[in-house]
Amino acid sequence: MATQQSTSANPKVNYKYRRNKARQEMRTQVTSFALMIFLTLIAFIMVMAGFDKYFVLPVLLVLAAVQVVLQLYNFMHMSHKGHEGVALFLYTGVFIAFITILTFLTIVWW
């Protein structure tokens, strides 16, 4: 979701444009927040229902990953223009952490 600037010289048009962008941003954040609350409730219900731990653990990890992505892109504004460098370092760190964990799990199992 790239940020676009209004090129009009009319201040009323710029005001309407900014107001519309703010409304869209707020709608996205509220929707994302509601989705994260729903995912948290699903996780809580699964644990409280006493499902098998071999089913619950992978589902919880997937739900947690979805929430991390939602928080990064909506609440930390990673979807805005100008955050490409930060995103590159973040994803590189996640990749290195994943490879490190996978390496240690492989060493321990074999």
N, C-alpha and C. Protein backbone atom coordinates (compact mmCIF):
# COMPACT_ATOMS: atom_id res chain seq x y z
N MET A 1 0.85 -1.16 0.00
CA MET A 1 0.00 0.00 0.00
C MET A 1 0.90 1.23 0.00
N ALA A 2 1.20 1.73 -1.15
CA ALA A 2 2.10 2.87 -1.28
C ALA A 2 1.34 4.16 -1.00
N THR A 3 2.00 5.08 -0.34
CA THR A 3 1.41 6.37 -0.04
C THR A 3 1.52 7.27 -1.27
N GLN A 4 0.39 7.83 -1.68
CA GLN A 4 0.37 8.73 -2.82
C GLN A 4 0.06 10.13 -2.32
N GLN A 5 0.66 11.11 -2.96
CA GLN A 5 0.45 12.50 -2.59
C GLN A 5 -0.48 13.16 -3.58
N SER A 6 -1.35 14.01 -3.07
CA SER A 6 -2.22 14.80 -3.93
C SER A 6 -1.40 15.92 -4.56
N THR A 7 -1.57 16.14 -5.86
CA THR A 7 -0.80 17.17 -6.55
C THR A 7 -1.61 18.43 -6.78
N SER A 8 -2.76 18.52 -6.18
CA SER A 8 -3.62 19.68 -6.38
C SER A 8 -3.12 20.87 -5.55
N ALA A 9 -3.27 22.07 -6.09
CA ALA A 9 -2.89 23.28 -5.36
C ALA A 9 -4.01 23.76 -4.46
N ASN A 10 -5.19 23.20 -4.61
CA ASN A 10 -6.36 23.59 -3.83
C ASN A 10 -6.27 22.93 -2.44
N PRO A 11 -6.26 23.76 -1.36
CA PRO A 11 -6.13 23.18 -0.01
C PRO A 11 -7.32 22.31 0.38
N LYS A 12 -8.51 22.60 -0.15
CA LYS A 12 -9.67 21.77 0.19
C LYS A 12 -9.54 20.37 -0.39
N VAL A 13 -8.97 20.28 -1.58
CA VAL A 13 -8.76 18.97 -2.19
C VAL A 13 -7.72 18.19 -1.38
N ASN A 14 -6.64 18.87 -0.96
CA ASN A 14 -5.62 18.22 -0.14
C ASN A 14 -6.20 17.75 1.18
N TYR A 15 -7.07 18.55 1.80
CA TYR A 15 -7.69 18.17 3.05
C TYR A 15 -8.56 16.93 2.87
N LYS A 16 -9.36 16.92 1.83
CA LYS A 16 -10.22 15.76 1.56
C LYS A 16 -9.38 14.51 1.28
N TYR A 17 -8.30 14.70 0.55
CA TYR A 17 -7.43 13.58 0.23
C TYR A 17 -6.80 13.00 1.51
N ARG A 18 -6.27 13.87 2.37
CA ARG A 18 -5.66 13.41 3.62
C ARG A 18 -6.70 12.75 4.52
N ARG A 19 -7.88 13.31 4.57
CA ARG A 19 -8.94 12.75 5.40
C ARG A 19 -9.35 11.37 4.90
N ASN A 20 -9.45 11.23 3.60
CA ASN A 20 -9.79 9.93 3.02
C ASN A 20 -8.70 8.90 3.31
N LYS A 21 -7.42 9.29 3.17
CA LYS A 21 -6.32 8.38 3.46
C LYS A 21 -6.31 7.99 4.94
N ALA A 22 -6.58 8.94 5.82
CA ALA A 22 -6.63 8.65 7.25
C ALA A 22 -7.77 7.68 7.57
N ARG A 23 -8.90 7.86 6.92
CA ARG A 23 -10.04 6.98 7.12
C ARG A 23 -9.70 5.55 6.66
N GLN A 24 -9.06 5.44 5.52
CA GLN A 24 -8.67 4.12 5.03
C GLN A 24 -7.66 3.46 5.97
N GLU A 25 -6.71 4.22 6.45
CA GLU A 25 -5.70 3.69 7.37
C GLU A 25 -6.35 3.22 8.67
N MET A 26 -7.28 4.00 9.20
CA MET A 26 -7.96 3.62 10.44
C MET A 26 -8.81 2.37 10.23
N ARG A 27 -9.48 2.28 9.10
CA ARG A 27 -10.29 1.10 8.80
C ARG A 27 -9.41 -0.15 8.74
N THR A 28 -8.25 -0.02 8.12
CA THR A 28 -7.32 -1.14 8.03
C THR A 28 -6.83 -1.56 9.41
N GLN A 29 -6.51 -0.59 10.26
CA GLN A 29 -6.01 -0.91 11.60
C GLN A 29 -7.09 -1.56 12.47
N VAL A 30 -8.31 -1.05 12.39
CA VAL A 30 -9.39 -1.63 13.20
C VAL A 30 -9.70 -3.05 12.73
N THR A 31 -9.73 -3.26 11.42
CA THR A 31 -9.97 -4.60 10.88
C THR A 31 -8.86 -5.56 11.30
N SER A 32 -7.63 -5.10 11.22
CA SER A 32 -6.49 -5.93 11.62
C SER A 32 -6.56 -6.25 13.11
N PHE A 33 -6.90 -5.28 13.93
CA PHE A 33 -7.01 -5.50 15.37
C PHE A 33 -8.10 -6.52 15.68
N ALA A 34 -9.25 -6.40 15.02
CA ALA A 34 -10.34 -7.34 15.24
C ALA A 34 -9.93 -8.76 14.82
N LEU A 35 -9.21 -8.87 13.72
CA LEU A 35 -8.75 -10.17 13.27
C LEU A 35 -7.76 -10.78 14.27
N MET A 36 -6.88 -9.95 14.84
CA MET A 36 -5.93 -10.46 15.82
C MET A 36 -6.63 -10.92 17.10
N ILE A 37 -7.66 -10.21 17.53
CA ILE A 37 -8.44 -10.63 18.70
C ILE A 37 -9.12 -11.96 18.41
N PHE A 38 -9.67 -12.12 17.21
CA PHE A 38 -10.31 -13.37 16.81
C PHE A 38 -9.31 -14.52 16.81
N LEU A 39 -8.13 -14.30 16.26
CA LEU A 39 -7.11 -15.35 16.24
C LEU A 39 -6.67 -15.73 17.66
N THR A 40 -6.60 -14.74 18.55
CA THR A 40 -6.25 -15.01 19.94
C THR A 40 -7.33 -15.84 20.62
N LEU A 41 -8.58 -15.54 20.33
CA LEU A 41 -9.69 -16.32 20.91
C LEU A 41 -9.66 -17.76 20.40
N ILE A 42 -9.35 -17.95 19.13
CA ILE A 42 -9.24 -19.30 18.58
C ILE A 42 -8.15 -20.07 19.32
N ALA A 43 -7.02 -19.44 19.51
CA ALA A 43 -5.90 -20.09 20.20
C ALA A 43 -6.28 -20.43 21.65
N PHE A 44 -6.91 -19.49 22.32
CA PHE A 44 -7.31 -19.71 23.71
C PHE A 44 -8.32 -20.86 23.81
N ILE A 45 -9.30 -20.89 22.92
CA ILE A 45 -10.33 -21.94 22.94
C ILE A 45 -9.71 -23.30 22.65
N MET A 46 -8.76 -23.35 21.71
CA MET A 46 -8.11 -24.62 21.39
C MET A 46 -7.36 -25.17 22.60
N VAL A 47 -6.68 -24.31 23.32
CA VAL A 47 -5.91 -24.77 24.48
C VAL A 47 -6.86 -25.18 25.60
N MET A 48 -7.89 -24.38 25.84
CA MET A 48 -8.83 -24.69 26.92
C MET A 48 -9.68 -25.91 26.62
N ALA A 49 -9.92 -26.22 25.35
CA ALA A 49 -10.73 -27.38 24.99
C ALA A 49 -9.98 -28.68 25.21
N GLY A 50 -8.67 -28.60 25.35
CA GLY A 50 -7.89 -29.80 25.64
C GLY A 50 -7.58 -30.64 24.41
N PHE A 51 -7.44 -29.99 23.26
CA PHE A 51 -7.06 -30.73 22.05
C PHE A 51 -5.67 -31.33 22.23
N ASP A 52 -5.36 -32.28 21.36
CA ASP A 52 -4.06 -32.93 21.40
C ASP A 52 -2.95 -31.91 21.18
N LYS A 53 -1.87 -32.02 21.95
CA LYS A 53 -0.80 -31.03 21.86
C LYS A 53 -0.09 -31.06 20.51
N TYR A 54 -0.11 -32.19 19.82
CA TYR A 54 0.53 -32.27 18.51
C TYR A 54 -0.30 -31.59 17.43
N PHE A 55 -1.55 -31.31 17.73
CA PHE A 55 -2.39 -30.51 16.83
C PHE A 55 -2.33 -29.04 17.22
N VAL A 56 -2.38 -28.78 18.51
CA VAL A 56 -2.47 -27.40 18.99
C VAL A 56 -1.18 -26.61 18.73
N LEU A 57 -0.03 -27.21 18.97
CA LEU A 57 1.23 -26.49 18.86
C LEU A 57 1.49 -25.94 17.45
N PRO A 58 1.35 -26.73 16.39
CA PRO A 58 1.57 -26.15 15.05
C PRO A 58 0.54 -25.08 14.70
N VAL A 59 -0.69 -25.29 15.11
CA VAL A 59 -1.73 -24.28 14.81
C VAL A 59 -1.43 -22.99 15.56
N LEU A 60 -1.00 -23.09 16.80
CA LEU A 60 -0.64 -21.89 17.57
C LEU A 60 0.52 -21.14 16.93
N LEU A 61 1.51 -21.88 16.43
CA LEU A 61 2.64 -21.24 15.77
C LEU A 61 2.22 -20.52 14.49
N VAL A 62 1.31 -21.11 13.74
CA VAL A 62 0.81 -20.46 12.52
C VAL A 62 0.01 -19.21 12.88
N LEU A 63 -0.85 -19.32 13.89
CA LEU A 63 -1.63 -18.15 14.31
C LEU A 63 -0.72 -17.03 14.82
N ALA A 64 0.33 -17.40 15.53
CA ALA A 64 1.29 -16.40 16.02
C ALA A 64 2.02 -15.73 14.85
N ALA A 65 2.39 -16.50 13.84
CA ALA A 65 3.07 -15.93 12.68
C ALA A 65 2.16 -14.97 11.93
N VAL A 66 0.89 -15.32 11.81
CA VAL A 66 -0.07 -14.43 11.15
C VAL A 66 -0.19 -13.13 11.93
N GLN A 67 -0.24 -13.22 13.24
CA GLN A 67 -0.35 -12.01 14.05
C GLN A 67 0.90 -11.14 13.96
N VAL A 68 2.06 -11.75 13.89
CA VAL A 68 3.30 -10.97 13.74
C VAL A 68 3.28 -10.20 12.43
N VAL A 69 2.87 -10.86 11.36
CA VAL A 69 2.80 -10.19 10.06
C VAL A 69 1.80 -9.05 10.09
N LEU A 70 0.63 -9.28 10.67
CA LEU A 70 -0.37 -8.21 10.77
C LEU A 70 0.15 -7.03 11.58
N GLN A 71 0.84 -7.31 12.67
CA GLN A 71 1.35 -6.22 13.48
C GLN A 71 2.45 -5.45 12.78
N LEU A 72 3.32 -6.15 12.07
CA LEU A 72 4.39 -5.45 11.36
C LEU A 72 3.83 -4.56 10.26
N TYR A 73 2.91 -5.08 9.49
CA TYR A 73 2.45 -4.33 8.35
C TYR A 73 1.43 -3.26 8.69
N ASN A 74 0.64 -3.46 9.72
CA ASN A 74 -0.40 -2.47 10.01
C ASN A 74 -0.03 -1.53 11.15
N PHE A 75 0.47 -2.05 12.24
CA PHE A 75 0.71 -1.20 13.40
C PHE A 75 2.11 -0.62 13.43
N MET A 76 3.06 -1.26 12.75
CA MET A 76 4.40 -0.71 12.68
C MET A 76 4.66 -0.06 11.32
N HIS A 77 3.62 0.03 10.51
CA HIS A 77 3.62 0.76 9.24
C HIS A 77 4.69 0.28 8.26
N MET A 78 4.94 -1.02 8.25
CA MET A 78 5.93 -1.56 7.32
C MET A 78 5.41 -1.54 5.88
N SER A 79 4.12 -1.35 5.70
CA SER A 79 3.56 -1.31 4.35
C SER A 79 3.74 0.06 3.70
N HIS A 80 4.17 1.04 4.46
CA HIS A 80 4.33 2.39 3.92
C HIS A 80 5.64 2.53 3.16
N LYS A 81 5.65 3.50 2.28
CA LYS A 81 6.84 3.76 1.49
C LYS A 81 7.96 4.29 2.39
N GLY A 82 9.18 3.84 2.11
CA GLY A 82 10.33 4.30 2.87
C GLY A 82 10.81 3.32 3.93
N HIS A 83 10.12 2.20 4.10
CA HIS A 83 10.51 1.22 5.10
C HIS A 83 11.12 -0.03 4.47
N GLU A 84 11.58 0.07 3.25
CA GLU A 84 12.11 -1.10 2.56
C GLU A 84 13.41 -1.58 3.18
N GLY A 85 14.27 -0.66 3.58
CA GLY A 85 15.54 -1.03 4.21
C GLY A 85 15.33 -1.73 5.53
N VAL A 86 14.44 -1.21 6.34
CA VAL A 86 14.13 -1.82 7.64
C VAL A 86 13.55 -3.21 7.42
N ALA A 87 12.66 -3.34 6.44
CA ALA A 87 12.07 -4.65 6.15
C ALA A 87 13.12 -5.65 5.70
N LEU A 88 14.09 -5.19 4.91
CA LEU A 88 15.16 -6.08 4.45
C LEU A 88 15.95 -6.62 5.64
N PHE A 89 16.34 -5.76 6.57
CA PHE A 89 17.09 -6.21 7.75
C PHE A 89 16.24 -7.13 8.62
N LEU A 90 14.97 -6.81 8.76
CA LEU A 90 14.08 -7.63 9.57
C LEU A 90 13.93 -9.02 8.99
N TYR A 91 13.68 -9.11 7.70
CA TYR A 91 13.51 -10.41 7.05
C TYR A 91 14.82 -11.19 7.02
N THR A 92 15.94 -10.52 6.88
CA THR A 92 17.23 -11.19 6.93
C THR A 92 17.46 -11.79 8.32
N GLY A 93 17.13 -11.05 9.36
CA GLY A 93 17.26 -11.57 10.72
C GLY A 93 16.36 -12.75 10.98
N VAL A 94 15.13 -12.70 10.49
CA VAL A 94 14.20 -13.82 10.64
C VAL A 94 14.75 -15.05 9.90
N PHE A 95 15.27 -14.85 8.71
CA PHE A 95 15.82 -15.96 7.92
C PHE A 95 17.02 -16.59 8.63
N ILE A 96 17.91 -15.78 9.15
CA ILE A 96 19.09 -16.30 9.86
C ILE A 96 18.66 -17.04 11.13
N ALA A 97 17.68 -16.50 11.85
CA ALA A 97 17.18 -17.17 13.06
C ALA A 97 16.55 -18.52 12.70
N PHE A 98 15.79 -18.55 11.61
CA PHE A 98 15.16 -19.81 11.18
C PHE A 98 16.22 -20.85 10.83
N ILE A 99 17.23 -20.44 10.06
CA ILE A 99 18.29 -21.37 9.68
C ILE A 99 19.06 -21.86 10.90
N THR A 100 19.31 -20.97 11.86
CA THR A 100 20.03 -21.36 13.09
C THR A 100 19.23 -22.37 13.90
N ILE A 101 17.95 -22.12 14.08
CA ILE A 101 17.10 -23.05 14.83
C ILE A 101 17.01 -24.39 14.11
N LEU A 102 16.84 -24.35 12.80
CA LEU A 102 16.78 -25.58 12.02
C LEU A 102 18.09 -26.37 12.12
N THR A 103 19.21 -25.67 12.11
CA THR A 103 20.51 -26.32 12.23
C THR A 103 20.65 -27.01 13.58
N PHE A 104 20.31 -26.32 14.65
CA PHE A 104 20.45 -26.92 15.98
C PHE A 104 19.47 -28.07 16.18
N LEU A 105 18.26 -27.96 15.64
CA LEU A 105 17.32 -29.07 15.74
C LEU A 105 17.84 -30.29 14.98
N THR A 106 18.43 -30.05 13.83
CA THR A 106 18.98 -31.15 13.04
C THR A 106 20.15 -31.81 13.77
N ILE A 107 21.01 -31.02 14.39
CA ILE A 107 22.15 -31.57 15.13
C ILE A 107 21.66 -32.40 16.31
N VAL A 108 20.66 -31.94 17.02
CA VAL A 108 20.16 -32.64 18.19
C VAL A 108 19.45 -33.93 17.79
N TRP A 109 18.69 -33.92 16.72
CA TRP A 109 17.93 -35.10 16.32
C TRP A 109 18.78 -36.19 15.71
N TRP A 110 19.89 -35.84 15.04
CA TRP A 110 20.70 -36.86 14.37
C TRP A 110 21.98 -37.00 15.04
